[in-house]
């Protein structure tokens, strides 16, 4: 029973694309340097005060869309929030961070795959040994 994997996350909905994204792009373009970082919690708070409906998940999805489509070059996320990096050293450091996260996720995925195969191949062998 293999479930088909989604090749990519679902696209932004119309509200995210036409209302929220332009606001985030305009606002995030001003966040140059770590000292000007803004968190998703801050973004949600300010935009909700203006009557917009969104969650931190919406912010994450829109920021991901902005990055993937090069709408703001150098937009990075950190515990301090989102901001634009502007030196090659910052780019390289962020790429290294992302690479280590990617490697850690791959390691967990491969472990889960190994555990699944081990667990379920033993189950099918036990059932076949009953008769």
Protein backbone atom coordinates (compact mmCIF):
# COMPACT_ATOMS: atom_id res chain seq x y z
CA UNK A 1 0.00 0.00 0.00
CA UNK A 2 2.26 2.77 -1.19
CA UNK A 3 0.77 6.22 -0.92
CA UNK A 4 1.79 8.63 -3.63
CA UNK A 5 4.01 11.38 -2.32
CA UNK A 6 3.23 14.94 -3.20
CA UNK A 7 6.11 16.29 -5.27
CA UNK A 8 5.79 19.76 -3.79
CA UNK A 9 3.66 21.60 -1.24
CA UNK A 10 0.30 22.86 -2.36
CA UNK A 11 0.39 26.20 -4.12
CA UNK A 12 -0.65 29.35 -2.31
CA UNK A 13 -4.39 29.92 -2.31
CA UNK A 14 -5.88 33.06 -3.86
CA UNK A 15 -6.00 34.95 -0.54
CA UNK A 16 -2.37 34.12 0.27
CA UNK A 17 -1.25 34.95 -3.27
CA UNK A 18 -3.15 38.16 -3.91
CA UNK A 19 -3.64 39.68 -0.45
CA UNK A 20 -1.02 38.44 2.00
CA UNK A 21 2.00 37.87 -0.26
CA UNK A 22 2.24 41.45 -1.65
CA UNK A 23 2.10 42.82 1.91
CA UNK A 24 4.80 40.41 3.11
CA UNK A 25 7.03 41.11 0.11
CA UNK A 26 6.82 44.88 0.61
CA UNK A 27 7.39 44.60 4.36
CA UNK A 28 10.17 42.02 4.28
CA UNK A 29 12.12 43.99 1.64
CA UNK A 30 12.83 46.56 4.36
CA UNK A 31 14.27 44.00 6.81
CA UNK A 32 17.91 44.24 5.78
CA UNK A 33 20.32 42.84 8.37
CA UNK A 34 19.84 40.72 11.46
CA UNK A 35 19.15 43.80 13.59
CA UNK A 36 15.96 44.40 11.55
CA UNK A 37 14.64 40.82 11.75
CA UNK A 38 10.93 40.25 12.22
CA UNK A 39 9.38 37.04 13.56
CA UNK A 40 6.35 35.29 12.15
CA UNK A 41 4.58 35.96 15.47
CA UNK A 42 5.19 39.69 15.03
CA UNK A 43 3.99 39.56 11.42
CA UNK A 44 0.80 37.75 12.40
CA UNK A 45 0.14 40.18 15.27
CA UNK A 46 0.52 43.30 13.15
CA UNK A 47 -1.51 42.00 10.21
CA UNK A 48 -4.30 40.71 12.46
CA UNK A 49 -4.52 44.23 13.96
CA UNK A 50 -5.35 45.38 10.41
CA UNK A 51 -8.12 42.80 10.19
CA UNK A 52 -6.30 40.26 8.04
CA UNK A 53 -6.71 36.58 8.73
CA UNK A 54 -3.53 34.55 8.88
CA UNK A 55 -1.47 32.20 11.00
CA UNK A 56 2.21 31.56 11.44
CA UNK A 57 1.75 28.62 9.07
CA UNK A 58 0.52 31.03 6.37
CA UNK A 59 3.59 33.20 6.95
CA UNK A 60 5.88 30.17 6.62
CA UNK A 61 4.21 29.06 3.39
CA UNK A 62 4.33 32.54 1.86
CA UNK A 63 7.96 33.10 2.88
CA UNK A 64 8.83 29.73 1.35
CA UNK A 65 7.09 30.82 -1.88
CA UNK A 66 8.94 34.15 -1.83
CA UNK A 67 12.30 32.38 -1.47
CA UNK A 68 11.69 29.67 -4.06
CA UNK A 69 10.55 32.22 -6.63
CA UNK A 70 13.37 34.71 -5.92
CA UNK A 71 10.94 37.49 -5.03
CA UNK A 72 13.35 38.68 -2.32
CA UNK A 73 16.95 37.64 -2.80
CA UNK A 74 18.72 36.60 0.40
CA UNK A 75 15.65 36.28 2.62
CA UNK A 76 16.67 34.08 5.51
CA UNK A 77 14.99 32.79 8.59
CA UNK A 78 16.60 32.46 11.99
CA UNK A 79 15.50 32.29 15.61
CA UNK A 80 15.62 36.12 15.53
CA UNK A 81 13.17 36.18 12.60
CA UNK A 82 13.21 36.84 8.89
CA UNK A 83 15.68 39.28 7.38
CA UNK A 84 17.72 39.86 4.24
CA UNK A 85 21.35 38.84 4.22
CA UNK A 86 23.67 40.82 2.04
CA UNK A 87 27.16 39.38 2.24
CA UNK A 88 28.51 36.27 0.58
CA UNK A 89 29.71 34.99 3.97
CA UNK A 90 26.15 35.17 5.33
CA UNK A 91 24.85 33.31 2.27
CA UNK A 92 27.48 30.58 2.68
CA UNK A 93 26.79 30.24 6.41
CA UNK A 94 23.04 29.96 5.79
CA UNK A 95 23.57 27.42 3.00
CA UNK A 96 25.68 25.36 5.44
CA UNK A 97 22.91 25.52 8.06
CA UNK A 98 20.33 24.39 5.49
CA UNK A 99 22.62 21.59 4.29
CA UNK A 100 23.06 20.26 7.82
CA UNK A 101 19.28 20.33 8.38
CA UNK A 102 18.80 18.52 5.07
CA UNK A 103 21.34 15.85 6.09
CA UNK A 104 19.69 15.38 9.49
CA UNK A 105 16.26 14.95 7.87
CA UNK A 106 17.66 12.46 5.38
CA UNK A 107 19.24 10.46 8.20
CA UNK A 108 15.90 10.26 10.06
CA UNK A 109 14.04 9.35 6.85
CA UNK A 110 16.46 6.51 6.08
CA UNK A 111 16.22 5.23 9.67
CA UNK A 112 12.43 5.21 9.47
CA UNK A 113 12.55 3.38 6.14
CA UNK A 114 14.91 0.78 7.61
CA UNK A 115 12.70 0.36 10.70
CA UNK A 116 9.55 0.03 8.58
CA UNK A 117 11.11 -2.65 6.41
CA UNK A 118 12.44 -4.48 9.44
CA UNK A 119 9.15 -4.32 11.30
CA UNK A 120 6.87 -5.28 8.44
CA UNK A 121 9.08 -7.87 6.75
CA UNK A 122 9.17 -9.74 10.08
CA UNK A 123 5.38 -9.56 10.31
CA UNK A 124 4.87 -11.09 6.89
CA UNK A 125 7.38 -13.86 7.69
CA UNK A 126 5.58 -14.68 10.96
CA UNK A 127 2.23 -14.91 9.19
CA UNK A 128 3.62 -17.22 6.54
CA UNK A 129 5.07 -19.49 9.23
CA UNK A 130 1.65 -20.08 10.82
CA UNK A 131 0.64 -22.62 8.14
